[in-house]
N, C-alpha and C. Protein backbone atom coordinates (compact mmCIF):
# COMPACT_ATOMS: atom_id res chain seq x y z
N UNK A 1 -5.57 53.73 -37.91
CA UNK A 1 -6.84 52.98 -37.99
C UNK A 1 -6.60 51.44 -36.60
N UNK A 2 -7.71 51.46 -36.07
CA UNK A 2 -8.13 50.65 -36.01
C UNK A 2 -9.55 49.49 -35.38
N UNK A 3 -10.27 49.93 -36.25
CA UNK A 3 -11.07 49.80 -36.92
C UNK A 3 -12.23 50.03 -38.25
N UNK A 4 -12.66 48.59 -39.11
CA UNK A 4 -13.12 49.60 -40.81
C UNK A 4 -13.81 51.05 -40.97
N UNK A 5 -14.69 51.66 -39.25
CA UNK A 5 -15.31 52.78 -39.59
C UNK A 5 -14.33 53.42 -39.58
N UNK A 6 -12.90 53.93 -39.05
CA UNK A 6 -11.80 54.39 -39.28
C UNK A 6 -11.56 54.29 -41.26
N UNK A 7 -11.18 53.00 -40.71
CA UNK A 7 -10.48 53.44 -42.88
C UNK A 7 -11.74 53.46 -43.48
N UNK A 8 -12.77 53.43 -43.03
CA UNK A 8 -13.93 54.29 -44.71
C UNK A 8 -13.56 55.34 -44.26
N UNK A 9 -13.59 56.03 -43.31
CA UNK A 9 -13.55 57.76 -43.50
C UNK A 9 -12.03 58.15 -43.72
N UNK A 10 -10.91 57.59 -43.57
CA UNK A 10 -9.57 58.09 -44.36
C UNK A 10 -9.79 57.62 -45.80
N UNK A 11 -10.53 56.80 -46.29
CA UNK A 11 -10.93 56.54 -47.42
C UNK A 11 -11.58 57.91 -47.90
N UNK A 12 -13.13 58.30 -47.44
CA UNK A 12 -13.58 59.26 -47.47
C UNK A 12 -12.62 60.50 -48.03
N UNK A 13 -12.01 60.69 -46.52
CA UNK A 13 -10.86 62.29 -46.64
C UNK A 13 -10.06 61.88 -48.06
N UNK A 14 -9.47 60.94 -48.14
CA UNK A 14 -8.72 60.86 -49.14
C UNK A 14 -9.04 61.01 -50.53
N UNK A 15 -10.48 61.12 -50.55
CA UNK A 15 -11.54 61.23 -52.31
C UNK A 15 -11.87 62.92 -51.95
N UNK A 16 -12.21 62.69 -50.43
CA UNK A 16 -12.41 64.54 -51.05
C UNK A 16 -11.18 65.13 -51.13
N UNK A 17 -9.80 64.77 -50.55
CA UNK A 17 -8.47 65.20 -51.57
C UNK A 17 -8.73 65.42 -52.62
N UNK A 18 -9.03 64.60 -53.53
CA UNK A 18 -8.61 64.54 -54.81
C UNK A 18 -9.80 64.97 -55.48
N UNK A 19 -10.52 65.60 -55.09
CA UNK A 19 -11.81 66.47 -55.53
C UNK A 19 -11.58 67.93 -55.03
N UNK A 20 -9.92 68.26 -54.53
CA UNK A 20 -10.40 69.65 -54.39
C UNK A 20 -9.23 70.66 -55.62
N UNK A 21 -10.78 71.52 -56.76
CA UNK A 21 -10.25 72.14 -56.96
C UNK A 21 -8.89 73.30 -56.65
N UNK A 22 -8.74 73.30 -56.11
CA UNK A 22 -7.24 73.79 -56.16
C UNK A 22 -5.96 73.36 -55.86
N UNK A 23 -5.66 71.87 -56.15
CA UNK A 23 -4.67 70.99 -56.54
C UNK A 23 -4.18 72.03 -57.78
N UNK A 24 -3.00 71.84 -57.72
CA UNK A 24 -1.92 71.58 -59.13
C UNK A 24 -2.12 70.52 -59.23
N UNK A 25 -0.79 70.53 -60.36
CA UNK A 25 -0.46 69.35 -60.64
C UNK A 25 -0.09 68.30 -60.58
N UNK A 26 0.69 68.66 -59.73
CA UNK A 26 1.80 68.14 -58.96
C UNK A 26 0.98 67.24 -57.73
N UNK A 27 0.17 68.56 -56.90
CA UNK A 27 -0.54 67.93 -56.01
C UNK A 27 -1.44 67.51 -56.15
N UNK A 28 -2.03 66.94 -57.19
CA UNK A 28 -2.67 66.01 -57.56
C UNK A 28 -2.06 64.71 -57.73
N UNK A 29 -0.81 64.66 -58.67
CA UNK A 29 0.00 63.40 -58.76
C UNK A 29 0.16 62.74 -57.42
N UNK A 30 0.65 63.67 -56.33
CA UNK A 30 1.09 63.21 -55.38
C UNK A 30 -0.24 62.40 -54.39
N UNK A 31 -1.04 62.92 -54.58
CA UNK A 31 -2.63 62.75 -53.62
C UNK A 31 -3.66 61.32 -54.88
N UNK A 32 -2.91 61.39 -55.67
CA UNK A 32 -3.02 59.98 -56.60
C UNK A 32 -1.99 58.88 -55.79
N UNK A 33 -1.32 59.10 -55.96
CA UNK A 33 -0.29 57.83 -55.42
C UNK A 33 -0.41 57.53 -53.90
N UNK A 34 -0.61 59.01 -52.74
CA UNK A 34 -0.58 58.42 -51.43
C UNK A 34 -2.03 57.65 -51.65
N UNK A 35 -3.78 58.32 -52.41
CA UNK A 35 -4.27 57.09 -52.76
C UNK A 35 -4.44 55.88 -53.13
N UNK A 36 -2.91 56.14 -53.52
CA UNK A 36 -3.53 54.45 -54.46
C UNK A 36 -2.71 53.32 -52.78
N UNK A 37 -1.66 54.24 -52.30
CA UNK A 37 -1.65 53.72 -51.72
C UNK A 37 -2.03 53.39 -50.12
N UNK A 38 -3.23 53.97 -49.89
CA UNK A 38 -4.31 53.75 -49.08
C UNK A 38 -5.53 52.95 -49.21
N UNK A 39 -5.50 52.70 -50.65
CA UNK A 39 -6.37 51.70 -50.77
C UNK A 39 -5.40 50.30 -51.35
N UNK A 40 -4.51 50.12 -51.42
CA UNK A 40 -3.53 49.33 -51.58
C UNK A 40 -3.66 48.26 -49.82
N UNK A 41 -3.40 49.48 -48.42
CA UNK A 41 -3.63 48.91 -47.34
C UNK A 41 -5.54 48.57 -46.96
N UNK A 42 -6.27 49.32 -47.42
CA UNK A 42 -7.79 48.60 -47.39
C UNK A 42 -8.04 47.32 -47.30
N UNK A 43 -7.76 47.56 -49.17
CA UNK A 43 -7.64 46.33 -49.31
C UNK A 43 -7.01 45.13 -48.65
N UNK A 44 -5.87 45.36 -48.12
CA UNK A 44 -5.59 44.40 -47.54
C UNK A 44 -6.44 43.84 -46.17
N UNK A 45 -6.32 44.74 -45.26
CA UNK A 45 -7.65 44.71 -43.88
C UNK A 45 -8.79 44.04 -44.14
N UNK A 46 -9.74 43.99 -44.81
CA UNK A 46 -10.96 44.14 -45.87
C UNK A 46 -10.66 42.77 -45.64
N UNK A 47 -9.82 42.43 -46.66
CA UNK A 47 -9.19 40.68 -47.21
C UNK A 47 -8.77 40.19 -45.71
N UNK A 48 -8.65 40.62 -45.00
CA UNK A 48 -8.26 39.60 -43.87
C UNK A 48 -10.17 39.87 -42.83
N UNK A 49 -10.16 40.82 -42.97
CA UNK A 49 -11.34 40.80 -42.05
C UNK A 49 -12.47 39.37 -42.78
N UNK A 50 -12.23 39.62 -44.31
CA UNK A 50 -13.85 38.50 -45.19
C UNK A 50 -12.44 37.25 -44.06
N UNK A 51 -11.22 36.95 -44.32
CA UNK A 51 -10.87 35.35 -43.41
C UNK A 51 -11.41 35.28 -42.22
N UNK A 52 -11.82 36.92 -41.19
CA UNK A 52 -11.29 35.73 -39.77
C UNK A 52 -13.24 35.54 -39.91
N UNK A 53 -13.86 36.45 -40.98
CA UNK A 53 -15.22 36.64 -41.22
C UNK A 53 -16.10 34.64 -41.42
N UNK A 54 -15.42 34.38 -42.05
CA UNK A 54 -15.16 32.98 -42.75
C UNK A 54 -15.12 31.98 -42.02
N UNK A 55 -13.50 32.13 -41.13
CA UNK A 55 -13.86 31.70 -39.74
C UNK A 55 -14.89 31.38 -39.33
N UNK A 56 -14.95 32.57 -38.58
CA UNK A 56 -16.69 32.17 -37.84
C UNK A 56 -17.41 31.58 -38.35
N UNK A 57 -17.80 31.59 -39.76
CA UNK A 57 -18.52 30.90 -40.52
C UNK A 57 -18.66 29.44 -40.22
N UNK A 58 -17.01 29.06 -40.71
CA UNK A 58 -16.91 27.21 -40.69
C UNK A 58 -17.36 26.99 -39.44
N UNK A 59 -16.86 27.86 -37.98
CA UNK A 59 -16.75 27.32 -36.82
C UNK A 59 -18.52 27.37 -36.17
N UNK A 60 -19.09 27.79 -36.75
CA UNK A 60 -20.92 28.41 -36.43
C UNK A 60 -20.98 26.88 -37.40
N UNK A 61 -21.42 27.26 -38.09
CA UNK A 61 -22.07 26.15 -39.61
C UNK A 61 -21.42 23.96 -38.87
N UNK A 62 -20.38 24.06 -38.01
CA UNK A 62 -19.36 22.85 -37.79
C UNK A 62 -19.40 22.29 -36.59
N UNK A 63 -18.72 23.39 -35.69
CA UNK A 63 -18.42 23.72 -34.36
C UNK A 63 -17.11 23.10 -34.25
N UNK A 64 -16.82 22.70 -32.95
CA UNK A 64 -15.30 22.03 -32.94
C UNK A 64 -15.10 21.21 -33.73
N UNK A 65 -15.72 21.04 -34.59
CA UNK A 65 -14.90 19.80 -36.20
C UNK A 65 -13.43 20.93 -36.59
N UNK A 66 -13.93 21.99 -36.41
CA UNK A 66 -12.74 22.38 -37.60
C UNK A 66 -11.96 23.38 -36.97
N UNK A 67 -12.15 23.74 -35.91
CA UNK A 67 -11.26 24.49 -34.57
C UNK A 67 -10.02 23.96 -35.12
N UNK A 68 -9.11 23.00 -34.74
CA UNK A 68 -7.77 22.10 -35.40
C UNK A 68 -7.52 22.86 -36.89
N UNK A 69 -8.23 23.18 -37.94
CA UNK A 69 -7.99 24.39 -39.13
C UNK A 69 -7.85 25.44 -39.07
N UNK A 70 -8.23 25.95 -37.54
CA UNK A 70 -8.39 27.05 -37.56
C UNK A 70 -7.68 28.14 -36.64
N UNK A 71 -5.81 28.25 -36.37
CA UNK A 71 -5.79 28.29 -35.93
C UNK A 71 -5.92 29.01 -34.61
N UNK A 72 -6.49 30.17 -35.49
CA UNK A 72 -6.62 31.81 -34.48
C UNK A 72 -7.60 31.64 -33.71
N UNK A 73 -8.30 30.16 -33.75
CA UNK A 73 -9.85 30.16 -33.44
C UNK A 73 -9.10 29.22 -32.36
N UNK A 74 -8.70 27.69 -32.34
CA UNK A 74 -8.65 26.47 -31.70
C UNK A 74 -7.19 26.43 -32.07
N UNK A 75 -6.77 25.44 -31.29
CA UNK A 75 -5.40 24.47 -31.27
C UNK A 75 -5.12 24.07 -32.45
N UNK A 76 -4.25 24.60 -33.69
CA UNK A 76 -3.64 23.80 -34.49
C UNK A 76 -3.26 22.21 -33.95
N UNK A 77 -3.51 21.37 -34.85
CA UNK A 77 -2.11 20.25 -34.45
C UNK A 77 -1.00 20.39 -34.59
N UNK A 78 0.02 19.74 -33.47
CA UNK A 78 1.21 19.70 -34.42
C UNK A 78 1.69 19.37 -35.34
N UNK A 79 2.67 19.67 -36.32
CA UNK A 79 3.36 18.76 -37.53
C UNK A 79 4.21 17.78 -36.74
N UNK A 80 4.21 17.72 -35.90
CA UNK A 80 5.44 16.93 -35.12
C UNK A 80 4.69 15.51 -34.54
N UNK A 81 3.94 15.85 -34.55
CA UNK A 81 3.03 14.50 -34.09
C UNK A 81 2.77 13.53 -34.28
């Protein structure tokens, strides 16, 4: 997965698999565990995206003044200096 569209597609694929009437109880259990793992990873990916958006908003609102506090965008101040 390299973008949120692909993540969305994986989530809907998992939902389709869970809705299959041909699954045995064991297959349903395995699919639920797999889906829970996918959702856990998806939650982390979307949380990271939210952090990036927040950083971009801060930069848009406050300009270069916030760059020292946003090491992914600007250069962080060295703690040793």
